[in-house]
Each structure stands twice: as structure tokens, then as C-alpha cells.
PDB file of N, CA and C in Angstrom:
ATOM      1  N   MET A   1      87.015  99.817  81.151  1.00  0.00           N
ATOM      2  CA  MET A   1      87.984  99.028  81.630  1.00  0.00           C
ATOM      3  C   MET A   1      89.515  99.781  81.927  1.00  0.00           C
ATOM      4  N   ALA A   2      89.537 100.790  81.108  1.00  0.00           N
ATOM      5  CA  ALA A   2      90.817 101.586  81.072  1.00  0.00           C
ATOM      6  C   ALA A   2      90.945 102.175  82.582  1.00  0.00           C
ATOM      7  N   LYS A   3      89.774 102.791  83.073  1.00  0.00           N
ATOM      8  CA  LYS A   3      89.867 103.360  84.504  1.00  0.00           C
ATOM      9  C   LYS A   3      90.386 102.254  85.408  1.00  0.00           C
ATOM     10  N   LEU A   4      89.718 101.008  85.222  1.00  0.00           N
ATOM     11  CA  LEU A   4      90.166  99.879  86.239  1.00  0.00           C
ATOM     12  C   LEU A   4      91.475  99.729  86.139  1.00  0.00           C
ATOM     13  N   GLU A   5      91.993  99.554  84.809  1.00  0.00           N
ATOM     14  CA  GLU A   5      93.339  99.187  84.684  1.00  0.00           C
ATOM     15  C   GLU A   5      94.465 100.369  85.181  1.00  0.00           C
ATOM     16  N   ASP A   6      93.968 101.467  85.080  1.00  0.00           N
ATOM     17  CA  ASP A   6      94.695 102.621  85.700  1.00  0.00           C
ATOM     18  C   ASP A   6      94.734 102.457  87.224  1.00  0.00           C
ATOM     19  N   LEU A   7      93.574 102.263  87.817  1.00  0.00           N
ATOM     20  CA  LEU A   7      93.464 102.064  89.280  1.00  0.00           C
ATOM     21  C   LEU A   7      94.361 100.758  89.644  1.00  0.00           C
ATOM     22  N   ASP A   8      94.361  99.747  89.001  1.00  0.00           N
ATOM     23  CA  ASP A   8      95.147  98.676  89.161  1.00  0.00           C
ATOM     24  C   ASP A   8      96.628  98.951  89.309  1.00  0.00           C
ATOM     25  N   ALA A   9      97.094  99.789  88.082  1.00  0.00           N
ATOM     26  CA  ALA A   9      98.380  99.906  88.042  1.00  0.00           C
ATOM     27  C   ALA A   9      98.873 100.817  89.128  1.00  0.00           C
ATOM     28  N   TYR A  10      98.105 101.943  89.607  1.00  0.00           N
ATOM     29  CA  TYR A  10      98.465 102.923  90.660  1.00  0.00           C
ATOM     30  C   TYR A  10      98.553 101.980  91.923  1.00  0.00           C
ATOM     31  N   SER A  11      97.665 101.274  92.196  1.00  0.00           N
ATOM     32  CA  SER A  11      97.587 100.538  93.412  1.00  0.00           C
ATOM     33  C   SER A  11      98.705  99.560  93.565  1.00  0.00           C
ATOM     34  N   HIS A  12      99.166  99.083  92.478  1.00  0.00           N
ATOM     35  CA  HIS A  12     100.433  98.083  92.452  1.00  0.00           C
ATOM     36  C   HIS A  12     101.567  98.875  93.014  1.00  0.00           C
ATOM     37  N   LEU A  13     101.722 100.013  92.329  1.00  0.00           N
ATOM     38  CA  LEU A  13     102.914 100.975  92.808  1.00  0.00           C
ATOM     39  C   LEU A  13     102.830 101.413  94.272  1.00  0.00           C
ATOM     40  N   ALA A  14     101.540 101.651  94.643  1.00  0.00           N
ATOM     41  CA  ALA A  14     101.355 102.177  96.030  1.00  0.00           C
ATOM     42  C   ALA A  14     101.490 101.090  96.934  1.00  0.00           C
ATOM     43  N   CYS A  15     101.385  99.902  96.770  1.00  0.00           N
ATOM     44  CA  CYS A  15     101.407  98.725  97.589  1.00  0.00           C
ATOM     45  C   CYS A  15     102.825  98.466  97.717  1.00  0.00           C
ATOM     46  N   HIS A  16     103.835  98.769  96.701  1.00  0.00           N
ATOM     47  CA  HIS A  16     105.147  98.445  96.736  1.00  0.00           C
ATOM     48  C   HIS A  16     105.800  99.195  97.882  1.00  0.00           C
ATOM     49  N   GLN A  17     105.139 100.336  98.300  1.00  0.00           N
ATOM     50  CA  GLN A  17     105.725 101.149  99.265  1.00  0.00           C
ATOM     51  C   GLN A  17     105.436 100.845 100.781  1.00  0.00           C
ATOM     52  N   PHE A  18     104.596  99.985 100.921  1.00  0.00           N
ATOM     53  CA  PHE A  18     104.199  99.532 102.253  1.00  0.00           C
ATOM     54  C   PHE A  18     105.239  98.904 103.009  1.00  0.00           C
ATOM     55  N   PRO A  19     105.284  98.964 104.349  1.00  0.00           N
ATOM     56  CA  PRO A  19     106.339  98.391 105.120  1.00  0.00           C
ATOM     57  C   PRO A  19     106.307  96.954 104.661  1.00  0.00           C
ATOM     58  N   LYS A  20     107.491  96.206 104.868  1.00  0.00           N
ATOM     59  CA  LYS A  20     107.608  94.932 104.545  1.00  0.00           C
ATOM     60  C   LYS A  20     106.668  94.017 105.204  1.00  0.00           C
ATOM     61  N   ILE A  21     106.333  94.270 106.437  1.00  0.00           N
ATOM     62  CA  ILE A  21     105.586  93.529 107.108  1.00  0.00           C
ATOM     63  C   ILE A  21     104.063  93.387 106.560  1.00  0.00           C
ATOM     64  N   GLU A  22     103.811  94.478 105.973  1.00  0.00           N
ATOM     65  CA  GLU A  22     102.382  94.679 105.539  1.00  0.00           C
ATOM     66  C   GLU A  22     102.162  94.280 103.955  1.00  0.00           C
ATOM     67  N   ARG A  23     103.275  93.687 103.498  1.00  0.00           N
ATOM     68  CA  ARG A  23     103.228  93.582 101.967  1.00  0.00           C
ATOM     69  C   ARG A  23     102.528  92.320 101.596  1.00  0.00           C
ATOM     70  N   HIS A  24     102.525  91.373 102.903  1.00  0.00           N
ATOM     71  CA  HIS A  24     101.888  90.114 102.829  1.00  0.00           C
ATOM     72  C   HIS A  24     100.506  89.967 103.338  1.00  0.00           C
ATOM     73  N   VAL A  25     100.109  91.106 103.957  1.00  0.00           N
ATOM     74  CA  VAL A  25      98.920  91.197 104.653  1.00  0.00           C
ATOM     75  C   VAL A  25      97.952  92.150 103.924  1.00  0.00           C
ATOM     76  N   LEU A  26      98.034  93.501 104.235  1.00  0.00           N
ATOM     77  CA  LEU A  26      97.202  94.431 103.782  1.00  0.00           C
ATOM     78  C   LEU A  26      97.386  94.739 102.177  1.00  0.00           C
ATOM     79  N   ALA A  27      98.708  94.680 101.667  1.00  0.00           N
ATOM     80  CA  ALA A  27      99.059  94.880 100.259  1.00  0.00           C
ATOM     81  C   ALA A  27      98.376  93.631  99.559  1.00  0.00           C
ATOM     82  N   SER A  28      98.372  92.474  99.963  1.00  0.00           N
ATOM     83  CA  SER A  28      97.953  91.187  99.375  1.00  0.00           C
ATOM     84  C   SER A  28      96.393  91.437  99.318  1.00  0.00           C
ATOM     85  N   ALA A  29      95.766  91.994 100.452  1.00  0.00           N
ATOM     86  CA  ALA A  29      94.290  91.918 100.501  1.00  0.00           C
ATOM     87  C   ALA A  29      93.705  92.929  99.452  1.00  0.00           C
ATOM     88  N   ILE A  30      94.667  94.161  99.345  1.00  0.00           N
ATOM     89  CA  ILE A  30      94.166  95.110  98.292  1.00  0.00           C
ATOM     90  C   ILE A  30      94.386  94.402  96.894  1.00  0.00           C
ATOM     91  N   ARG A  31      95.510  93.845  96.660  1.00  0.00           N
ATOM     92  CA  ARG A  31      95.735  93.099  95.318  1.00  0.00           C
ATOM     93  C   ARG A  31      94.482  92.183  94.941  1.00  0.00           C
ATOM     94  N   GLN A  32      94.204  91.379  95.957  1.00  0.00           N
ATOM     95  CA  GLN A  32      93.134  90.332  95.766  1.00  0.00           C
ATOM     96  C   GLN A  32      91.758  91.004  95.472  1.00  0.00           C
ATOM     97  N   CYS A  33      91.531  92.082  96.330  1.00  0.00           N
ATOM     98  CA  CYS A  33      90.134  92.871  96.135  1.00  0.00           C
ATOM     99  C   CYS A  33      90.129  93.302  94.584  1.00  0.00           C
ATOM    100  N   LEU A  34      91.264  93.923  94.152  1.00  0.00           N
ATOM    101  CA  LEU A  34      91.350  94.405  92.750  1.00  0.00           C
ATOM    102  C   LEU A  34      91.035  93.277  91.809  1.00  0.00           C
ATOM    103  N   ILE A  35      91.640  92.139  91.953  1.00  0.00           N
ATOM    104  CA  ILE A  35      91.380  90.947  91.098  1.00  0.00           C
ATOM    105  C   ILE A  35      89.978  90.721  91.033  1.00  0.00           C
ATOM    106  N   GLN A  36      89.427  90.587  92.231  1.00  0.00           N
ATOM    107  CA  GLN A  36      87.979  90.287  92.454  1.00  0.00           C
ATOM    108  C   GLN A  36      87.050  91.467  91.739  1.00  0.00           C
ATOM    109  N   ILE A  37      87.424  92.681  91.833  1.00  0.00           N
ATOM    110  CA  ILE A  37      86.659  93.643  91.133  1.00  0.00           C
ATOM    111  C   ILE A  37      86.890  93.293  89.672  1.00  0.00           C
ATOM    112  N   THR A  38      87.911  93.096  88.984  1.00  0.00           N
ATOM    113  CA  THR A  38      88.089  92.857  87.758  1.00  0.00           C
ATOM    114  C   THR A  38      87.383  91.750  87.218  1.00  0.00           C
ATOM    115  N   GLU A  39      87.293  90.648  87.986  1.00  0.00           N
ATOM    116  CA  GLU A  39      86.635  89.652  87.496  1.00  0.00           C
ATOM    117  C   GLU A  39      85.150  89.684  87.631  1.00  0.00           C
ATOM    118  N   THR A  40      84.684  90.500  88.670  1.00  0.00           N
ATOM    119  CA  THR A  40      83.162  90.891  88.570  1.00  0.00           C
ATOM    120  C   THR A  40      82.640  91.894  87.522  1.00  0.00           C
ATOM    121  N   ALA A  41      83.609  92.873  87.278  1.00  0.00           N
ATOM    122  CA  ALA A  41      83.305  93.666  86.163  1.00  0.00           C
ATOM    123  C   ALA A  41      83.251  92.999  84.653  1.00  0.00           C
ATOM    124  N   ILE A  42      84.158  91.994  84.646  1.00  0.00           N
ATOM    125  CA  ILE A  42      83.997  91.413  83.266  1.00  0.00           C
ATOM    126  C   ILE A  42      82.837  90.444  83.369  1.00  0.00           C
ATOM    127  N   THR A  43      82.350  89.858  84.370  1.00  0.00           N
ATOM    128  CA  THR A  43      81.421  89.100  84.589  1.00  0.00           C
ATOM    129  C   THR A  43      80.048  89.790  84.321  1.00  0.00           C
ATOM    130  N   ALA A  44      80.052  91.104  84.912  1.00  0.00           N
ATOM    131  CA  ALA A  44      78.853  91.901  84.546  1.00  0.00           C
ATOM    132  C   ALA A  44      78.703  92.345  83.054  1.00  0.00           C
ATOM    133  N   PHE A  45      79.954  92.608  82.576  1.00  0.00           N
ATOM    134  CA  PHE A  45      79.908  93.035  81.190  1.00  0.00           C
ATOM    135  C   PHE A  45      79.382  91.917  80.215  1.00  0.00           C
ATOM    136  N   LYS A  46      79.586  90.717  80.419  1.00  0.00           N
ATOM    137  CA  LYS A  46      79.324  89.409  79.762  1.00  0.00           C
ATOM    138  C   LYS A  46      77.928  89.031  79.872  1.00  0.00           C
ATOM    139  N   ARG A  47      77.449  89.272  81.154  1.00  0.00           N
ATOM    140  CA  ARG A  47      75.993  88.685  81.559  1.00  0.00           C
ATOM    141  C   ARG A  47      75.045  89.343  80.790  1.00  0.00           C
ATOM    142  N   LYS A  48      73.866  88.716  80.578  1.00  0.00           N
ATOM    143  CA  LYS A  48      72.484  89.367  80.075  1.00  0.00           C
ATOM    144  C   LYS A  48      71.914  90.167  81.345  1.00  0.00           C
ATOM    145  N   GLN A  49      71.643  89.498  82.431  1.00  0.00           N
ATOM    146  CA  GLN A  49      71.180  90.071  83.642  1.00  0.00           C
ATOM    147  C   GLN A  49      72.334  90.823  84.350  1.00  0.00           C
ATOM    148  N   LYS A  50      72.479  92.021  84.431  1.00  0.00           N
ATOM    149  CA  LYS A  50      73.812  92.602  84.797  1.00  0.00           C
ATOM    150  C   LYS A  50      73.569  93.123  86.305  1.00  0.00           C
ATOM    151  N   THR A  51      72.373  93.135  86.712  1.00  0.00           N
ATOM    152  CA  THR A  51      72.274  94.115  87.981  1.00  0.00           C
ATOM    153  C   THR A  51      72.918  93.171  89.176  1.00  0.00           C
ATOM    154  N   ALA A  52      72.658  91.854  89.364  1.00  0.00           N
ATOM    155  CA  ALA A  52      73.291  91.266  90.458  1.00  0.00           C
ATOM    156  C   ALA A  52      74.694  91.301  90.583  1.00  0.00           C
ATOM    157  N   ALA A  53      75.237  91.309  89.317  1.00  0.00           N
ATOM    158  CA  ALA A  53      76.795  91.337  89.251  1.00  0.00           C
ATOM    159  C   ALA A  53      77.261  92.817  89.585  1.00  0.00           C
ATOM    160  N   LEU A  54      76.390  93.722  89.123  1.00  0.00           N
ATOM    161  CA  LEU A  54      76.673  95.203  89.493  1.00  0.00           C
ATOM    162  C   LEU A  54      76.692  95.392  90.816  1.00  0.00           C
ATOM    163  N   PHE A  55      75.605  94.940  91.555  1.00  0.00           N
ATOM    164  CA  PHE A  55      75.603  94.966  93.026  1.00  0.00           C
ATOM    165  C   PHE A  55      76.973  94.374  93.703  1.00  0.00           C
ATOM    166  N   ASP A  56      77.358  93.252  93.349  1.00  0.00           N
ATOM    167  CA  ASP A  56      78.504  92.644  93.844  1.00  0.00           C
ATOM    168  C   ASP A  56      79.609  93.612  93.601  1.00  0.00           C
ATOM    169  N   LEU A  57      79.768  94.281  92.479  1.00  0.00           N
ATOM    170  CA  LEU A  57      80.779  94.974  91.977  1.00  0.00           C
ATOM    171  C   LEU A  57      80.956  96.129  92.894  1.00  0.00           C
ATOM    172  N   ASP A  58      79.693  96.791  93.214  1.00  0.00           N
ATOM    173  CA  ASP A  58      79.587  97.935  94.082  1.00  0.00           C
ATOM    174  C   ASP A  58      80.037  97.844  95.368  1.00  0.00           C
ATOM    175  N   VAL A  59      79.702  96.488  95.992  1.00  0.00           N
ATOM    176  CA  VAL A  59      80.211  96.092  97.240  1.00  0.00           C
ATOM    177  C   VAL A  59      81.761  96.063  97.303  1.00  0.00           C
ATOM    178  N   LYS A  60      82.206  95.426  96.344  1.00  0.00           N
ATOM    179  CA  LYS A  60      83.551  95.045  96.415  1.00  0.00           C
ATOM    180  C   LYS A  60      84.499  96.443  96.177  1.00  0.00           C
ATOM    181  N   VAL A  61      83.970  97.443  95.517  1.00  0.00           N
ATOM    182  CA  VAL A  61      84.462  98.743  95.340  1.00  0.00           C
ATOM    183  C   VAL A  61      84.540  99.343  96.737  1.00  0.00           C
ATOM    184  N   ALA A  62      83.412  99.235  97.623  1.00  0.00           N
ATOM    185  CA  ALA A  62      83.276  99.892  98.936  1.00  0.00           C
ATOM    186  C   ALA A  62      84.448  99.163  99.689  1.00  0.00           C
ATOM    187  N   VAL A  63      84.546  97.870  99.612  1.00  0.00           N
ATOM    188  CA  VAL A  63      85.541  97.208 100.495  1.00  0.00           C
ATOM    189  C   VAL A  63      86.904  97.742 100.079  1.00  0.00           C
ATOM    190  N   LEU A  64      87.567  97.946  98.702  1.00  0.00           N
ATOM    191  CA  LEU A  64      88.664  98.541  98.332  1.00  0.00           C
ATOM    192  C   LEU A  64      88.738  99.882  98.858  1.00  0.00           C
ATOM    193  N   LYS A  65      87.654 100.652  98.918  1.00  0.00           N
ATOM    194  CA  LYS A  65      87.569 102.234  99.485  1.00  0.00           C
ATOM    195  C   LYS A  65      88.166 101.993 101.073  1.00  0.00           C
ATOM    196  N   HIS A  66      87.537 101.007 101.682  1.00  0.00           N
ATOM    197  CA  HIS A  66      87.850 100.781 103.112  1.00  0.00           C
ATOM    198  C   HIS A  66      89.225 100.542 103.212  1.00  0.00           C
ATOM    199  N   LEU A  67      89.829  99.699 102.329  1.00  0.00           N
ATOM    200  CA  LEU A  67      91.204  99.018 102.570  1.00  0.00           C
ATOM    201  C   LEU A  67      92.260 100.292 102.174  1.00  0.00           C
ATOM    202  N   VAL A  68      91.822 101.224 101.253  1.00  0.00           N
ATOM    203  CA  VAL A  68      92.746 102.452 101.106  1.00  0.00           C
ATOM    204  C   VAL A  68      92.817 103.449 102.378  1.00  0.00           C
ATOM    205  N   ARG A  69      91.500 103.599 102.780  1.00  0.00           N
ATOM    206  CA  ARG A  69      91.248 104.550 104.095  1.00  0.00           C
ATOM    207  C   ARG A  69      92.156 103.778 105.167  1.00  0.00           C
ATOM    208  N   LYS A  70      92.060 102.428 105.243  1.00  0.00           N
ATOM    209  CA  LYS A  70      92.933 101.773 106.478  1.00  0.00           C
ATOM    210  C   LYS A  70      94.574 101.942 106.114  1.00  0.00           C
ATOM    211  N   SER A  71      94.853 101.949 104.856  1.00  0.00           N
ATOM    212  CA  SER A  71      96.326 102.289 104.474  1.00  0.00           C
ATOM    213  C   SER A  71      96.633 103.624 104.936  1.00  0.00           C
ATOM    214  N   TYR A  72      95.852 104.640 104.837  1.00  0.00           N
ATOM    215  CA  TYR A  72      96.224 105.852 105.071  1.00  0.00           C
ATOM    216  C   TYR A  72      96.107 106.003 106.552  1.00  0.00           C
ATOM    217  N   ALA A  73      95.213 105.556 107.220  1.00  0.00           N
ATOM    218  CA  ALA A  73      95.177 105.636 108.650  1.00  0.00           C
ATOM    219  C   ALA A  73      96.237 105.009 109.566  1.00  0.00           C
ATOM    220  N   LEU A  74      96.881 103.976 108.769  1.00  0.00           N
ATOM    221  CA  LEU A  74      98.113 103.468 109.406  1.00  0.00           C
ATOM    222  C   LEU A  74      99.493 103.991 109.016  1.00  0.00           C
ATOM    223  N   HIS A  75      99.174 105.048 108.291  1.00  0.00           N
ATOM    224  CA  HIS A  75     100.288 105.857 107.687  1.00  0.00           C
ATOM    225  C   HIS A  75     101.236 105.210 106.749  1.00  0.00           C
ATOM    226  N   TYR A  76     100.709 104.196 106.122  1.00  0.00           N
ATOM    227  CA  TYR A  76     101.511 103.474 105.109  1.00  0.00           C
ATOM    228  C   TYR A  76     101.630 104.430 103.717  1.00  0.00           C
ATOM    229  N   ILE A  77     100.718 105.317 103.511  1.00  0.00           N
ATOM    230  CA  ILE A  77     100.770 106.122 102.273  1.00  0.00           C
ATOM    231  C   ILE A  77     100.422 107.713 102.893  1.00  0.00           C
ATOM    232  N   ASN A  78     101.032 108.554 102.144  1.00  0.00           N
ATOM    233  CA  ASN A  78     100.987 110.004 102.541  1.00  0.00           C
ATOM    234  C   ASN A  78      99.759 110.512 102.148  1.00  0.00           C
ATOM    235  N   ASP A  79      99.391 111.867 102.341  1.00  0.00           N
ATOM    236  CA  ASP A  79      98.304 112.693 101.959  1.00  0.00           C
ATOM    237  C   ASP A  79      98.116 112.441 100.624  1.00  0.00           C
ATOM    238  N   HIS A  80      98.838 112.807  99.678  1.00  0.00           N
ATOM    239  CA  HIS A  80      98.865 113.074  98.287  1.00  0.00           C
ATOM    240  C   HIS A  80      98.536 111.632  97.628  1.00  0.00           C
ATOM    241  N   LYS A  81      99.195 110.696  98.291  1.00  0.00           N
ATOM    242  CA  LYS A  81      98.910 109.316  97.484  1.00  0.00           C
ATOM    243  C   LYS A  81      97.593 108.900  97.895  1.00  0.00           C
ATOM    244  N   PHE A  82      96.992 109.115  99.108  1.00  0.00           N
ATOM    245  CA  PHE A  82      95.566 108.831  99.507  1.00  0.00           C
ATOM    246  C   PHE A  82      94.715 109.605  98.645  1.00  0.00           C
ATOM    247  N   HIS A  83      94.876 110.931  98.439  1.00  0.00           N
ATOM    248  CA  HIS A  83      94.094 111.662  97.636  1.00  0.00           C
ATOM    249  C   HIS A  83      93.943 111.068  96.092  1.00  0.00           C
ATOM    250  N   VAL A  84      94.952 110.871  95.556  1.00  0.00           N
ATOM    251  CA  VAL A  84      95.228 110.367  94.185  1.00  0.00           C
ATOM    252  C   VAL A  84      94.479 109.047  94.128  1.00  0.00           C
ATOM    253  N   TRP A  85      94.824 108.162  95.303  1.00  0.00           N
ATOM    254  CA  TRP A  85      94.225 106.699  95.219  1.00  0.00           C
ATOM    255  C   TRP A  85      92.882 106.654  95.336  1.00  0.00           C
ATOM    256  N   SER A  86      92.286 107.361  96.381  1.00  0.00           N
ATOM    257  CA  SER A  86      90.888 107.460  96.665  1.00  0.00           C
ATOM    258  C   SER A  86      90.173 108.062  95.520  1.00  0.00           C
ATOM    259  N   GLY A  87      90.873 109.054  94.936  1.00  0.00           N
ATOM    260  CA  GLY A  87      90.029 109.558  93.709  1.00  0.00           C
ATOM    261  C   GLY A  87      89.852 108.601  92.592  1.00  0.00           C
ATOM    262  N   HIS A  88      90.917 107.842  92.426  1.00  0.00           N
ATOM    263  CA  HIS A  88      90.619 106.705  91.382  1.00  0.00           C
ATOM    264  C   HIS A  88      89.490 105.699  91.745  1.00  0.00           C
ATOM    265  N   VAL A  89      89.602 105.410  93.127  1.00  0.00           N
ATOM    266  CA  VAL A  89      88.525 104.331  93.603  1.00  0.00           C
ATOM    267  C   VAL A  89      87.246 105.073  93.619  1.00  0.00           C
ATOM    268  N   LEU A  90      87.057 106.373  93.884  1.00  0.00           N
ATOM    269  CA  LEU A  90      85.810 107.077  93.894  1.00  0.00           C
ATOM    270  C   LEU A  90      85.217 107.230  92.232  1.00  0.00           C
ATOM    271  N   GLU A  91      86.218 107.356  91.374  1.00  0.00           N
ATOM    272  CA  GLU A  91      85.787 107.662  90.117  1.00  0.00           C
ATOM    273  C   GLU A  91      85.133 106.240  89.557  1.00  0.00           C
ATOM    274  N   LEU A  92      85.915 105.020  89.887  1.00  0.00           N
ATOM    275  CA  LEU A  92      85.428 103.671  89.643  1.00  0.00           C
ATOM    276  C   LEU A  92      83.872 103.812  90.153  1.00  0.00           C
ATOM    277  N   GLY A  93      83.893 103.984  91.643  1.00  0.00           N
ATOM    278  CA  GLY A  93      82.490 103.883  92.219  1.00  0.00           C
ATOM    279  C   GLY A  93      81.369 104.628  91.481  1.00  0.00           C
ATOM    280  N   ARG A  94      81.648 105.776  91.083  1.00  0.00           N
ATOM    281  CA  ARG A  94      80.767 106.569  90.362  1.00  0.00           C
ATOM    282  C   ARG A  94      80.223 105.824  89.041  1.00  0.00           C
ATOM    283  N   MET A  95      81.306 105.107  88.257  1.00  0.00           N
ATOM    284  CA  MET A  95      80.937 104.652  87.216  1.00  0.00           C
ATOM    285  C   MET A  95      80.227 103.464  87.453  1.00  0.00           C
ATOM    286  N   VAL A  96      80.533 102.600  88.397  1.00  0.00           N
ATOM    287  CA  VAL A  96      79.652 101.520  88.671  1.00  0.00           C
ATOM    288  C   VAL A  96      78.323 102.080  89.064  1.00  0.00           C
ATOM    289  N   GLY A  97      78.028 102.921  89.837  1.00  0.00           N
ATOM    290  CA  GLY A  97      76.808 103.451  90.221  1.00  0.00           C
ATOM    291  C   GLY A  97      75.865 103.864  88.978  1.00  0.00           C
ATOM    292  N   GLY A  98      76.627 104.542  88.090  1.00  0.00           N
ATOM    293  CA  GLY A  98      75.948 104.973  86.895  1.00  0.00           C
ATOM    294  C   GLY A  98      75.496 103.879  85.939  1.00  0.00           C
ATOM    295  N   TRP A  99      76.306 102.976  86.030  1.00  0.00           N
ATOM    296  CA  TRP A  99      76.157 101.576  85.264  1.00  0.00           C
ATOM    297  C   TRP A  99      74.768 100.897  85.873  1.00  0.00           C
ATOM    298  N   LEU A 100      74.905 100.787  87.203  1.00  0.00           N
ATOM    299  CA  LEU A 100      73.991 100.115  87.946  1.00  0.00           C
ATOM    300  C   LEU A 100      72.438 100.795  87.681  1.00  0.00           C
ATOM    301  N   LYS A 101      72.542 102.291  87.771  1.00  0.00           N
ATOM    302  CA  LYS A 101      71.293 102.872  87.637  1.00  0.00           C
ATOM    303  C   LYS A 101      70.712 102.603  86.168  1.00  0.00           C
ATOM    304  N   HIS A 102      71.602 102.692  85.230  1.00  0.00           N
ATOM    305  CA  HIS A 102      71.155 102.591  83.799  1.00  0.00           C
ATOM    306  C   HIS A 102      70.642 100.977  83.736  1.00  0.00           C
ATOM    307  N   GLU A 103      71.265 100.064  84.026  1.00  0.00           N
ATOM    308  CA  GLU A 103      70.586  98.801  84.039  1.00  0.00           C
ATOM    309  C   GLU A 103      69.431  98.519  84.794  1.00  0.00           C
ATOM    310  N   SER A 104      69.354  99.200  86.120  1.00  0.00           N
ATOM    311  CA  SER A 104      68.068  99.047  86.759  1.00  0.00           C
ATOM    312  C   SER A 104      66.808  99.753  85.947  1.00  0.00           C
ATOM    313  N   ALA A 105      67.228 100.797  85.467  1.00  0.00           N
ATOM    314  CA  ALA A 105      66.118 101.494  84.615  1.00  0.00           C
ATOM    315  C   ALA A 105      65.775 100.529  83.417  1.00  0.00           C
ATOM    316  N   LYS A 106      66.652 100.111  82.854  1.00  0.00           N
ATOM    317  CA  LYS A 106      66.527  99.293  81.584  1.00  0.00           C
ATOM    318  C   LYS A 106      65.658  97.896  81.871  1.00  0.00           C
ATOM    319  N   GLU A 107      65.807  97.424  83.161  1.00  0.00           N
ATOM    320  CA  GLU A 107      65.149  96.178  83.546  1.00  0.00           C
ATOM    321  C   GLU A 107      63.579  96.574  83.905  1.00  0.00           C
ATOM    322  N   LYS A 108      63.338  97.792  84.417  1.00  0.00           N
ATOM    323  CA  LYS A 108      62.314  98.183  84.768  1.00  0.00           C
ATOM    324  C   LYS A 108      61.220  98.556  83.625  1.00  0.00           C
ATOM    325  N   LYS A 109      62.088  98.844  82.493  1.00  0.00           N
ATOM    326  CA  LYS A 109      61.196  99.348  81.365  1.00  0.00           C
ATOM    327  C   LYS A 109      60.677  98.120  80.595  1.00  0.00           C
ATOM    328  N   GLY A 110      61.607  97.138  80.405  1.00  0.00           N
ATOM    329  CA  GLY A 110      61.383  96.021  79.701  1.00  0.00           C
ATOM    330  C   GLY A 110      61.219  94.674  80.344  1.00  0.00           C
TER     331      GLY A 110
END
């Protein structure tokens, strides 16, 4: 959860630097995506059968990855900010993938 909170804080700061016209469109979509990721992560943590929630979480992380790439393509963020931000998202994706792999193996065993 700490990595997710770090990503959320960094994303919040990065979205503040978007052009005014995009703060209510793309920045809002990014913030909403992060809220959904947080909700899904908490759901997956609390559920007994975690794989369905983890698949949803994996999809939402992929959507966030796309939105960050779109921000870079539209030149709302610079190279450095893109690499740092996408690094945070990739790290979260790796963690979700590992968690998913672990839970899938656990369900196959038992």
C-alpha cells in the first residue's frame, strides 16, 4: 500500500502541472483511475478469493499506464517526469503481477 500511496502523491503533483483545460479531463481521469485502483487493491486484500479482484486491478493499472503515456504524448509532462511516473506505475504493475501469480498458484494447490 505504501507504493500505491507514493504513486498517488506523485500523480497528484504531476496533474497539477497540466494545462488548465486538461485539469478537468485527463487529470480527472487519472485521479479517478487511481481511486479505482486503490479501491480494487483494498478489495483484493480483504477478499478470500483474490484472483478476480487482482485481474481487475491489473486491468486498471494498464489503463493508468495508458493515461500516463497519453500525458507524455500530448507534452503535458516532460521526459524526466514521464520516466519517474511510469517507473512508479511499472513497479505497481510488477507487484500486482507477483501477487496474482502467488494467488493463482495457491488456488491451484488447494
